PDB file of N, CA and C in Angstrom:
ATOM      1  N   MET A   1     237.305 -72.286  86.461  1.00  0.00           N
ATOM      2  CA  MET A   1     236.136 -71.470  86.748  1.00  0.00           C
ATOM      3  C   MET A   1     236.316 -70.684  88.047  1.00  0.00           C
ATOM      4  N   THR A   2     236.987 -71.300  89.007  1.00  0.00           N
ATOM      5  CA  THR A   2     237.226 -70.624  90.278  1.00  0.00           C
ATOM      6  C   THR A   2     238.105 -69.393  90.067  1.00  0.00           C
ATOM      7  N   ARG A   3     239.076 -69.528  89.196  1.00  0.00           N
ATOM      8  CA  ARG A   3     239.968 -68.400  88.916  1.00  0.00           C
ATOM      9  C   ARG A   3     239.198 -67.245  88.284  1.00  0.00           C
ATOM     10  N   LEU A   4     238.258 -67.552  87.392  1.00  0.00           N
ATOM     11  CA  LEU A   4     237.430 -66.523  86.763  1.00  0.00           C
ATOM     12  C   LEU A   4     236.636 -65.761  87.813  1.00  0.00           C
ATOM     13  N   TRP A   5     236.012 -66.475  88.733  1.00  0.00           N
ATOM     14  CA  TRP A   5     235.215 -65.822  89.777  1.00  0.00           C
ATOM     15  C   TRP A   5     236.081 -64.960  90.683  1.00  0.00           C
ATOM     16  N   SER A   6     237.290 -65.439  90.998  1.00  0.00           N
ATOM     17  CA  SER A   6     238.154 -64.624  91.860  1.00  0.00           C
ATOM     18  C   SER A   6     238.584 -63.354  91.129  1.00  0.00           C
ATOM     19  N   ARG A   7     238.790 -63.434  89.812  1.00  0.00           N
ATOM     20  CA  ARG A   7     239.137 -62.232  89.047  1.00  0.00           C
ATOM     21  C   ARG A   7     237.969 -61.261  88.997  1.00  0.00           C
ATOM     22  N   LEU A   8     236.768 -61.771  88.806  1.00  0.00           N
ATOM     23  CA  LEU A   8     235.585 -60.901  88.786  1.00  0.00           C
ATOM     24  C   LEU A   8     235.373 -60.241  90.143  1.00  0.00           C
ATOM     25  N   ARG A   9     235.529 -61.012  91.201  1.00  0.00           N
ATOM     26  CA  ARG A   9     235.390 -60.462  92.550  1.00  0.00           C
ATOM     27  C   ARG A   9     236.425 -59.356  92.773  1.00  0.00           C
ATOM     28  N   PHE A  10     237.642 -59.608  92.295  1.00  0.00           N
ATOM     29  CA  PHE A  10     238.708 -58.616  92.403  1.00  0.00           C
ATOM     30  C   PHE A  10     238.324 -57.324  91.704  1.00  0.00           C
ATOM     31  N   LEU A  11     237.776 -57.428  90.506  1.00  0.00           N
ATOM     32  CA  LEU A  11     237.394 -56.224  89.762  1.00  0.00           C
ATOM     33  C   LEU A  11     236.281 -55.458  90.436  1.00  0.00           C
ATOM     34  N   PHE A  12     235.293 -56.171  90.958  1.00  0.00           N
ATOM     35  CA  PHE A  12     234.176 -55.487  91.593  1.00  0.00           C
ATOM     36  C   PHE A  12     234.571 -54.856  92.917  1.00  0.00           C
ATOM     37  N   ASN A  13     235.679 -55.288  93.473  1.00  0.00           N
ATOM     38  CA  ASN A  13     236.199 -54.690  94.705  1.00  0.00           C
ATOM     39  C   ASN A  13     237.391 -53.793  94.423  1.00  0.00           C
ATOM     40  N   PHE A  14     237.442 -53.216  93.227  1.00  0.00           N
ATOM     41  CA  PHE A  14     238.587 -52.405  92.818  1.00  0.00           C
ATOM     42  C   PHE A  14     238.851 -51.253  93.777  1.00  0.00           C
ATOM     43  N   ARG A  15     237.809 -50.617  94.268  1.00  0.00           N
ATOM     44  CA  ARG A  15     238.010 -49.464  95.158  1.00  0.00           C
ATOM     45  C   ARG A  15     238.819 -49.850  96.390  1.00  0.00           C
ATOM     46  N   LYS A  16     238.746 -51.123  96.782  1.00  0.00           N
ATOM     47  CA  LYS A  16     239.539 -51.585  97.920  1.00  0.00           C
ATOM     48  C   LYS A  16     241.007 -51.750  97.544  1.00  0.00           C
ATOM     49  N   SER A  17     241.301 -51.766  96.250  1.00  0.00           N
ATOM     50  CA  SER A  17     242.684 -51.907  95.782  1.00  0.00           C
ATOM     51  C   SER A  17     243.409 -50.568  95.689  1.00  0.00           C
ATOM     52  N   ILE A  18     242.696 -49.491  95.833  1.00  0.00           N
ATOM     53  CA  ILE A  18     243.299 -48.171  95.684  1.00  0.00           C
ATOM     54  C   ILE A  18     244.427 -47.941  96.695  1.00  0.00           C
ATOM     55  N   PRO A  19     244.272 -48.309  97.975  1.00  0.00           N
ATOM     56  CA  PRO A  19     245.406 -48.130  98.898  1.00  0.00           C
ATOM     57  C   PRO A  19     246.643 -48.930  98.468  1.00  0.00           C
ATOM     58  N   PHE A  20     246.428 -50.136  97.918  1.00  0.00           N
ATOM     59  CA  PHE A  20     247.556 -50.925  97.422  1.00  0.00           C
ATOM     60  C   PHE A  20     248.249 -50.215  96.267  1.00  0.00           C
ATOM     61  N   LEU A  21     247.472 -49.715  95.323  1.00  0.00           N
ATOM     62  CA  LEU A  21     248.058 -49.022  94.177  1.00  0.00           C
ATOM     63  C   LEU A  21     248.810 -47.775  94.615  1.00  0.00           C
ATOM     64  N   LYS A  22     248.253 -47.052  95.576  1.00  0.00           N
ATOM     65  CA  LYS A  22     248.930 -45.865  96.101  1.00  0.00           C
ATOM     66  C   LYS A  22     250.258 -46.257  96.744  1.00  0.00           C
ATOM     67  N   ALA A  23     250.231 -47.322  97.531  1.00  0.00           N
ATOM     68  CA  ALA A  23     251.462 -47.785  98.182  1.00  0.00           C
ATOM     69  C   ALA A  23     252.476 -48.265  97.150  1.00  0.00           C
ATOM     70  N   PHE A  24     252.006 -48.922  96.094  1.00  0.00           N
ATOM     71  CA  PHE A  24     252.903 -49.401  95.039  1.00  0.00           C
ATOM     72  C   PHE A  24     253.615 -48.242  94.355  1.00  0.00           C
ATOM     73  N   PHE A  25     252.850 -47.229  93.965  1.00  0.00           N
ATOM     74  CA  PHE A  25     253.443 -46.119  93.220  1.00  0.00           C
ATOM     75  C   PHE A  25     254.249 -45.161  94.092  1.00  0.00           C
ATOM     76  N   THR A  26     254.046 -45.179  95.394  1.00  0.00           N
ATOM     77  CA  THR A  26     254.814 -44.296  96.273  1.00  0.00           C
ATOM     78  C   THR A  26     255.957 -45.013  96.989  1.00  0.00           C
ATOM     79  N   ALA A  27     256.029 -46.335  96.866  1.00  0.00           N
ATOM     80  CA  ALA A  27     257.083 -47.101  97.550  1.00  0.00           C
ATOM     81  C   ALA A  27     258.444 -46.803  96.931  1.00  0.00           C
ATOM     82  N   LYS A  28     259.412 -46.576  97.786  1.00  0.00           N
ATOM     83  CA  LYS A  28     260.761 -46.288  97.315  1.00  0.00           C
ATOM     84  C   LYS A  28     261.485 -47.552  96.854  1.00  0.00           C
ATOM     85  N   ASP A  29     261.060 -48.713  97.333  1.00  0.00           N
ATOM     86  CA  ASP A  29     261.755 -49.949  96.957  1.00  0.00           C
ATOM     87  C   ASP A  29     261.186 -50.604  95.690  1.00  0.00           C
ATOM     88  N   VAL A  30     260.193 -49.990  95.082  1.00  0.00           N
ATOM     89  CA  VAL A  30     259.693 -50.466  93.790  1.00  0.00           C
ATOM     90  C   VAL A  30     260.499 -49.746  92.715  1.00  0.00           C
ATOM     91  N   ALA A  31     261.109 -50.539  91.841  1.00  0.00           N
ATOM     92  CA  ALA A  31     261.962 -49.965  90.803  1.00  0.00           C
ATOM     93  C   ALA A  31     261.173 -49.025  89.900  1.00  0.00           C
ATOM     94  N   ALA A  32     261.831 -47.972  89.466  1.00  0.00           N
ATOM     95  CA  ALA A  32     261.181 -46.999  88.581  1.00  0.00           C
ATOM     96  C   ALA A  32     260.712 -47.651  87.291  1.00  0.00           C
ATOM     97  N   ALA A  33     261.457 -48.633  86.812  1.00  0.00           N
ATOM     98  CA  ALA A  33     261.056 -49.332  85.582  1.00  0.00           C
ATOM     99  C   ALA A  33     259.716 -50.041  85.749  1.00  0.00           C
ATOM    100  N   LYS A  34     259.475 -50.597  86.919  1.00  0.00           N
ATOM    101  CA  LYS A  34     258.189 -51.262  87.184  1.00  0.00           C
ATOM    102  C   LYS A  34     257.056 -50.253  87.213  1.00  0.00           C
ATOM    103  N   LYS A  35     257.309 -49.101  87.812  1.00  0.00           N
ATOM    104  CA  LYS A  35     256.282 -48.056  87.861  1.00  0.00           C
ATOM    105  C   LYS A  35     255.978 -47.533  86.459  1.00  0.00           C
ATOM    106  N   VAL A  36     257.033 -47.327  85.678  1.00  0.00           N
ATOM    107  CA  VAL A  36     256.852 -46.845  84.306  1.00  0.00           C
ATOM    108  C   VAL A  36     256.093 -47.880  83.476  1.00  0.00           C
ATOM    109  N   THR A  37     256.429 -49.144  83.645  1.00  0.00           N
ATOM    110  CA  THR A  37     255.726 -50.215  82.925  1.00  0.00           C
ATOM    111  C   THR A  37     254.245 -50.212  83.267  1.00  0.00           C
ATOM    112  N   ALA A  38     253.926 -50.099  84.557  1.00  0.00           N
ATOM    113  CA  ALA A  38     252.522 -50.096  84.977  1.00  0.00           C
ATOM    114  C   ALA A  38     251.780 -48.894  84.394  1.00  0.00           C
ATOM    115  N   VAL A  39     252.383 -47.728  84.457  1.00  0.00           N
ATOM    116  CA  VAL A  39     251.743 -46.525  83.916  1.00  0.00           C
ATOM    117  C   VAL A  39     251.589 -46.650  82.406  1.00  0.00           C
ATOM    118  N   ALA A  40     252.608 -47.179  81.731  1.00  0.00           N
ATOM    119  CA  ALA A  40     252.542 -47.339  80.275  1.00  0.00           C
ATOM    120  C   ALA A  40     251.408 -48.279  79.877  1.00  0.00           C
ATOM    121  N   LEU A  41     251.235 -49.361  80.609  1.00  0.00           N
ATOM    122  CA  LEU A  41     250.137 -50.290  80.315  1.00  0.00           C
ATOM    123  C   LEU A  41     248.781 -49.616  80.494  1.00  0.00           C
ATOM    124  N   ILE A  42     248.653 -48.842  81.554  1.00  0.00           N
ATOM    125  CA  ILE A  42     247.387 -48.152  81.812  1.00  0.00           C
ATOM    126  C   ILE A  42     247.115 -47.121  80.716  1.00  0.00           C
ATOM    127  N   VAL A  43     248.134 -46.348  80.355  1.00  0.00           N
ATOM    128  CA  VAL A  43     247.965 -45.329  79.316  1.00  0.00           C
ATOM    129  C   VAL A  43     247.641 -45.987  77.972  1.00  0.00           C
ATOM    130  N   LEU A  44     248.363 -47.046  77.625  1.00  0.00           N
ATOM    131  CA  LEU A  44     248.090 -47.749  76.366  1.00  0.00           C
ATOM    132  C   LEU A  44     246.668 -48.299  76.328  1.00  0.00           C
ATOM    133  N   TYR A  45     246.196 -48.769  77.468  1.00  0.00           N
ATOM    134  CA  TYR A  45     244.839 -49.298  77.553  1.00  0.00           C
ATOM    135  C   TYR A  45     243.815 -48.210  77.213  1.00  0.00           C
ATOM    136  N   PHE A  46     244.026 -47.004  77.721  1.00  0.00           N
ATOM    137  CA  PHE A  46     243.075 -45.923  77.459  1.00  0.00           C
ATOM    138  C   PHE A  46     243.243 -45.297  76.078  1.00  0.00           C
ATOM    139  N   VAL A  47     244.477 -45.297  75.554  1.00  0.00           N
ATOM    140  CA  VAL A  47     244.750 -44.652  74.275  1.00  0.00           C
ATOM    141  C   VAL A  47     244.420 -45.562  73.097  1.00  0.00           C
ATOM    142  N   PHE A  48     244.665 -46.845  73.248  1.00  0.00           N
ATOM    143  CA  PHE A  48     244.468 -47.788  72.142  1.00  0.00           C
ATOM    144  C   PHE A  48     242.978 -47.903  71.822  1.00  0.00           C
ATOM    145  N   PRO A  49     242.562 -47.563  70.610  1.00  0.00           N
ATOM    146  CA  PRO A  49     241.131 -47.479  70.295  1.00  0.00           C
ATOM    147  C   PRO A  49     240.473 -48.805  69.918  1.00  0.00           C
ATOM    148  N   PHE A  50     241.222 -49.899  69.893  1.00  0.00           N
ATOM    149  CA  PHE A  50     240.671 -51.169  69.422  1.00  0.00           C
ATOM    150  C   PHE A  50     239.943 -51.905  70.544  1.00  0.00           C
ATOM    151  N   ASP A  51     238.755 -52.393  70.256  1.00  0.00           N
ATOM    152  CA  ASP A  51     237.979 -53.213  71.185  1.00  0.00           C
ATOM    153  C   ASP A  51     237.699 -54.552  70.533  1.00  0.00           C
ATOM    154  N   LEU A  52     237.879 -55.628  71.267  1.00  0.00           N
ATOM    155  CA  LEU A  52     237.516 -56.939  70.734  1.00  0.00           C
ATOM    156  C   LEU A  52     236.005 -57.079  70.620  1.00  0.00           C
ATOM    157  N   ILE A  53     235.312 -56.567  71.620  1.00  0.00           N
ATOM    158  CA  ILE A  53     233.850 -56.573  71.620  1.00  0.00           C
ATOM    159  C   ILE A  53     233.408 -55.119  71.706  1.00  0.00           C
ATOM    160  N   PRO A  54     232.684 -54.614  70.707  1.00  0.00           N
ATOM    161  CA  PRO A  54     232.271 -53.197  70.724  1.00  0.00           C
ATOM    162  C   PRO A  54     231.463 -52.848  71.972  1.00  0.00           C
ATOM    163  N   ASP A  55     231.730 -51.663  72.515  1.00  0.00           N
ATOM    164  CA  ASP A  55     231.072 -51.239  73.748  1.00  0.00           C
ATOM    165  C   ASP A  55     229.588 -50.942  73.569  1.00  0.00           C
ATOM    166  N   PHE A  56     229.142 -50.744  72.334  1.00  0.00           N
ATOM    167  CA  PHE A  56     227.722 -50.460  72.147  1.00  0.00           C
ATOM    168  C   PHE A  56     226.854 -51.699  72.383  1.00  0.00           C
ATOM    169  N   LEU A  57     227.462 -52.872  72.465  1.00  0.00           N
ATOM    170  CA  LEU A  57     226.712 -54.079  72.833  1.00  0.00           C
ATOM    171  C   LEU A  57     226.588 -54.092  74.355  1.00  0.00           C
ATOM    172  N   ILE A  58     225.503 -53.554  74.824  1.00  0.00           N
ATOM    173  CA  ILE A  58     225.312 -53.341  76.263  1.00  0.00           C
ATOM    174  C   ILE A  58     225.401 -54.677  77.002  1.00  0.00           C
ATOM    175  N   GLY A  59     226.128 -54.660  78.084  1.00  0.00           N
ATOM    176  CA  GLY A  59     226.307 -55.859  78.893  1.00  0.00           C
ATOM    177  C   GLY A  59     227.575 -56.599  78.534  1.00  0.00           C
ATOM    178  N   ILE A  60     227.620 -57.155  77.330  1.00  0.00           N
ATOM    179  CA  ILE A  60     228.807 -57.926  76.954  1.00  0.00           C
ATOM    180  C   ILE A  60     229.888 -57.059  76.330  1.00  0.00           C
ATOM    181  N   GLY A  61     229.580 -55.839  76.014  1.00  0.00           N
ATOM    182  CA  GLY A  61     230.539 -54.943  75.377  1.00  0.00           C
ATOM    183  C   GLY A  61     231.702 -54.542  76.256  1.00  0.00           C
ATOM    184  N   ILE A  62     231.537 -54.681  77.563  1.00  0.00           N
ATOM    185  CA  ILE A  62     232.624 -54.290  78.463  1.00  0.00           C
ATOM    186  C   ILE A  62     233.457 -55.481  78.928  1.00  0.00           C
ATOM    187  N   VAL A  63     233.134 -56.667  78.437  1.00  0.00           N
ATOM    188  CA  VAL A  63     233.847 -57.871  78.869  1.00  0.00           C
ATOM    189  C   VAL A  63     235.336 -57.769  78.553  1.00  0.00           C
ATOM    190  N   ASP A  64     235.684 -57.349  77.340  1.00  0.00           N
ATOM    191  CA  ASP A  64     237.100 -57.235  77.000  1.00  0.00           C
ATOM    192  C   ASP A  64     237.787 -56.144  77.812  1.00  0.00           C
ATOM    193  N   ASP A  65     237.066 -55.070  78.117  1.00  0.00           N
ATOM    194  CA  ASP A  65     237.631 -54.010  78.954  1.00  0.00           C
ATOM    195  C   ASP A  65     237.922 -54.528  80.363  1.00  0.00           C
ATOM    196  N   LEU A  66     237.020 -55.308  80.909  1.00  0.00           N
ATOM    197  CA  LEU A  66     237.226 -55.902  82.231  1.00  0.00           C
ATOM    198  C   LEU A  66     238.410 -56.865  82.223  1.00  0.00           C
ATOM    199  N   ALA A  67     238.537 -57.623  81.153  1.00  0.00           N
ATOM    200  CA  ALA A  67     239.653 -58.565  81.049  1.00  0.00           C
ATOM    201  C   ALA A  67     240.986 -57.828  81.017  1.00  0.00           C
ATOM    202  N   VAL A  68     241.066 -56.761  80.265  1.00  0.00           N
ATOM    203  CA  VAL A  68     242.310 -55.988  80.183  1.00  0.00           C
ATOM    204  C   VAL A  68     242.611 -55.322  81.521  1.00  0.00           C
ATOM    205  N   ALA A  69     241.602 -54.760  82.161  1.00  0.00           N
ATOM    206  CA  ALA A  69     241.806 -54.118  83.465  1.00  0.00           C
ATOM    207  C   ALA A  69     242.290 -55.140  84.498  1.00  0.00           C
ATOM    208  N   THR A  70     241.699 -56.316  84.493  1.00  0.00           N
ATOM    209  CA  THR A  70     242.117 -57.374  85.414  1.00  0.00           C
ATOM    210  C   THR A  70     243.562 -57.770  85.146  1.00  0.00           C
ATOM    211  N   PHE A  71     243.902 -57.922  83.878  1.00  0.00           N
ATOM    212  CA  PHE A  71     245.260 -58.296  83.500  1.00  0.00           C
ATOM    213  C   PHE A  71     246.273 -57.270  83.988  1.00  0.00           C
ATOM    214  N   ILE A  72     245.995 -55.998  83.779  1.00  0.00           N
ATOM    215  CA  ILE A  72     246.919 -54.933  84.197  1.00  0.00           C
ATOM    216  C   ILE A  72     247.069 -54.907  85.722  1.00  0.00           C
ATOM    217  N   LEU A  73     245.969 -55.012  86.424  1.00  0.00           N
ATOM    218  CA  LEU A  73     246.040 -54.991  87.892  1.00  0.00           C
ATOM    219  C   LEU A  73     246.791 -56.204  88.431  1.00  0.00           C
ATOM    220  N   GLN A  74     246.609 -57.353  87.815  1.00  0.00           N
ATOM    221  CA  GLN A  74     247.332 -58.537  88.266  1.00  0.00           C
ATOM    222  C   GLN A  74     248.830 -58.410  87.985  1.00  0.00           C
ATOM    223  N   LEU A  75     249.190 -57.793  86.872  1.00  0.00           N
ATOM    224  CA  LEU A  75     250.610 -57.560  86.596  1.00  0.00           C
ATOM    225  C   LEU A  75     251.228 -56.625  87.633  1.00  0.00           C
ATOM    226  N   ILE A  76     250.496 -55.591  88.005  1.00  0.00           N
ATOM    227  CA  ILE A  76     250.991 -54.664  89.023  1.00  0.00           C
ATOM    228  C   ILE A  76     251.200 -55.395  90.342  1.00  0.00           C
ATOM    229  N   ILE A  77     250.268 -56.263  90.695  1.00  0.00           N
ATOM    230  CA  ILE A  77     250.394 -57.026  91.939  1.00  0.00           C
ATOM    231  C   ILE A  77     251.619 -57.940  91.876  1.00  0.00           C
ATOM    232  N   LYS A  78     251.832 -58.582  90.727  1.00  0.00           N
ATOM    233  CA  LYS A  78     252.991 -59.470  90.591  1.00  0.00           C
ATOM    234  C   LYS A  78     254.306 -58.700  90.658  1.00  0.00           C
ATOM    235  N   MET A  79     254.320 -57.451  90.211  1.00  0.00           N
ATOM    236  CA  MET A  79     255.537 -56.644  90.243  1.00  0.00           C
ATOM    237  C   MET A  79     255.823 -56.067  91.625  1.00  0.00           C
ATOM    238  N   ALA A  80     254.836 -56.072  92.499  1.00  0.00           N
ATOM    239  CA  ALA A  80     254.988 -55.461  93.823  1.00  0.00           C
ATOM    240  C   ALA A  80     255.940 -56.273  94.691  1.00  0.00           C
ATOM    241  N   PRO A  81     256.669 -55.596  95.570  1.00  0.00           N
ATOM    242  CA  PRO A  81     257.543 -56.317  96.494  1.00  0.00           C
ATOM    243  C   PRO A  81     256.721 -57.150  97.488  1.00  0.00           C
ATOM    244  N   ALA A  82     257.362 -58.146  98.050  1.00  0.00           N
ATOM    245  CA  ALA A  82     256.675 -59.092  98.949  1.00  0.00           C
ATOM    246  C   ALA A  82     256.023 -58.395 100.142  1.00  0.00           C
ATOM    247  N   HIS A  83     256.681 -57.381 100.686  1.00  0.00           N
ATOM    248  CA  HIS A  83     256.116 -56.736 101.882  1.00  0.00           C
ATOM    249  C   HIS A  83     254.802 -56.017 101.558  1.00  0.00           C
ATOM    250  N   LEU A  84     254.664 -55.477 100.349  1.00  0.00           N
ATOM    251  CA  LEU A  84     253.393 -54.845  99.973  1.00  0.00           C
ATOM    252  C   LEU A  84     252.312 -55.901  99.772  1.00  0.00           C
ATOM    253  N   LYS A  85     252.677 -57.003  99.148  1.00  0.00           N
ATOM    254  CA  LYS A  85     251.704 -58.095  98.954  1.00  0.00           C
ATOM    255  C   LYS A  85     251.224 -58.611 100.300  1.00  0.00           C
ATOM    256  N   ASP A  86     252.168 -58.798 101.236  1.00  0.00           N
ATOM    257  CA  ASP A  86     251.798 -59.294 102.565  1.00  0.00           C
ATOM    258  C   ASP A  86     250.938 -58.295 103.319  1.00  0.00           C
ATOM    259  N   LYS A  87     251.265 -57.029 103.183  1.00  0.00           N
ATOM    260  CA  LYS A  87     250.525 -55.991 103.909  1.00  0.00           C
ATOM    261  C   LYS A  87     249.072 -55.918 103.457  1.00  0.00           C
ATOM    262  N   PHE A  88     248.830 -56.077 102.155  1.00  0.00           N
ATOM    263  CA  PHE A  88     247.481 -55.898 101.634  1.00  0.00           C
ATOM    264  C   PHE A  88     246.747 -57.195 101.328  1.00  0.00           C
ATOM    265  N   ASN A  89     247.388 -58.322 101.488  1.00  0.00           N
ATOM    266  CA  ASN A  89     246.727 -59.593 101.231  1.00  0.00           C
ATOM    267  C   ASN A  89     245.923 -59.988 102.467  1.00  0.00           C
ATOM    268  N   ALA A  90     244.701 -60.362 102.251  1.00  0.00           N
ATOM    269  CA  ALA A  90     243.836 -60.749 103.364  1.00  0.00           C
ATOM    270  C   ALA A  90     243.096 -62.023 102.989  1.00  0.00           C
ATOM    271  N   ASP A  91     242.668 -62.751 103.988  1.00  0.00           N
ATOM    272  CA  ASP A  91     241.894 -63.940 103.645  1.00  0.00           C
ATOM    273  C   ASP A  91     240.516 -63.535 103.171  1.00  0.00           C
ATOM    274  N   ARG A  92     239.827 -64.441 102.510  1.00  0.00           N
ATOM    275  CA  ARG A  92     238.582 -64.122 101.803  1.00  0.00           C
ATOM    276  C   ARG A  92     237.483 -63.563 102.700  1.00  0.00           C
ATOM    277  N   ASN A  93     237.505 -63.869 103.958  1.00  0.00           N
ATOM    278  CA  ASN A  93     236.438 -63.394 104.847  1.00  0.00           C
ATOM    279  C   ASN A  93     236.692 -61.981 105.346  1.00  0.00           C
ATOM    280  N   ASP A  94     237.913 -61.523 105.187  1.00  0.00           N
ATOM    281  CA  ASP A  94     238.261 -60.183 105.627  1.00  0.00           C
ATOM    282  C   ASP A  94     237.823 -59.183 104.570  1.00  0.00           C
ATOM    283  N   ASN A  95     237.656 -57.946 104.961  1.00  0.00           N
ATOM    284  CA  ASN A  95     237.189 -56.924 104.027  1.00  0.00           C
ATOM    285  C   ASN A  95     238.322 -56.047 103.537  1.00  0.00           C
ATOM    286  N   LYS A  96     239.543 -56.552 103.567  1.00  0.00           N
ATOM    287  CA  LYS A  96     240.669 -55.723 103.151  1.00  0.00           C
ATOM    288  C   LYS A  96     240.740 -55.611 101.642  1.00  0.00           C
ATOM    289  N   VAL A  97     241.918 -55.821 101.068  1.00  0.00           N
ATOM    290  CA  VAL A  97     242.125 -55.425  99.685  1.00  0.00           C
ATOM    291  C   VAL A  97     242.181 -56.582  98.702  1.00  0.00           C
ATOM    292  N   ILE A  98     243.232 -57.332  98.680  1.00  0.00           N
ATOM    293  CA  ILE A  98     243.532 -58.202  97.554  1.00  0.00           C
ATOM    294  C   ILE A  98     243.630 -59.654  97.993  1.00  0.00           C
ATOM    295  N   ASN A  99     243.011 -60.533  97.253  1.00  0.00           N
ATOM    296  CA  ASN A  99     243.194 -61.952  97.488  1.00  0.00           C
ATOM    297  C   ASN A  99     243.117 -62.699  96.175  1.00  0.00           C
ATOM    298  N   ILE A 100     243.983 -62.335  95.245  1.00  0.00           N
ATOM    299  CA  ILE A 100     244.013 -63.046  93.975  1.00  0.00           C
ATOM    300  C   ILE A 100     245.375 -63.627  93.705  1.00  0.00           C
ATOM    301  N   LEU A 101     246.272 -63.547  94.650  1.00  0.00           N
ATOM    302  CA  LEU A 101     247.654 -63.986  94.439  1.00  0.00           C
ATOM    303  C   LEU A 101     247.744 -65.473  94.304  1.00  0.00           C
TER     304      LEU A 101
END
């Protein structure tokens, strides 16, 4: 249950993850294959028309979308080099970016 809450907190603080994502995609030490994989996952997420829970069910209809978005962002974080993770990882009381590692 704790892991679920940390994932939800991560999603609601997505705007704070934007500097991390920018650093990930502009870093020279991140392999091009990792960048392509991340972009491909994001594009597939938007292009693939299948929803587990239809979006017209207000409230619960976006649950599967949130799960997929969380999954993709966590994969990007796992693919990032250690120095980027260290730079953007902050303890829970800080207002920085990421603390789901």
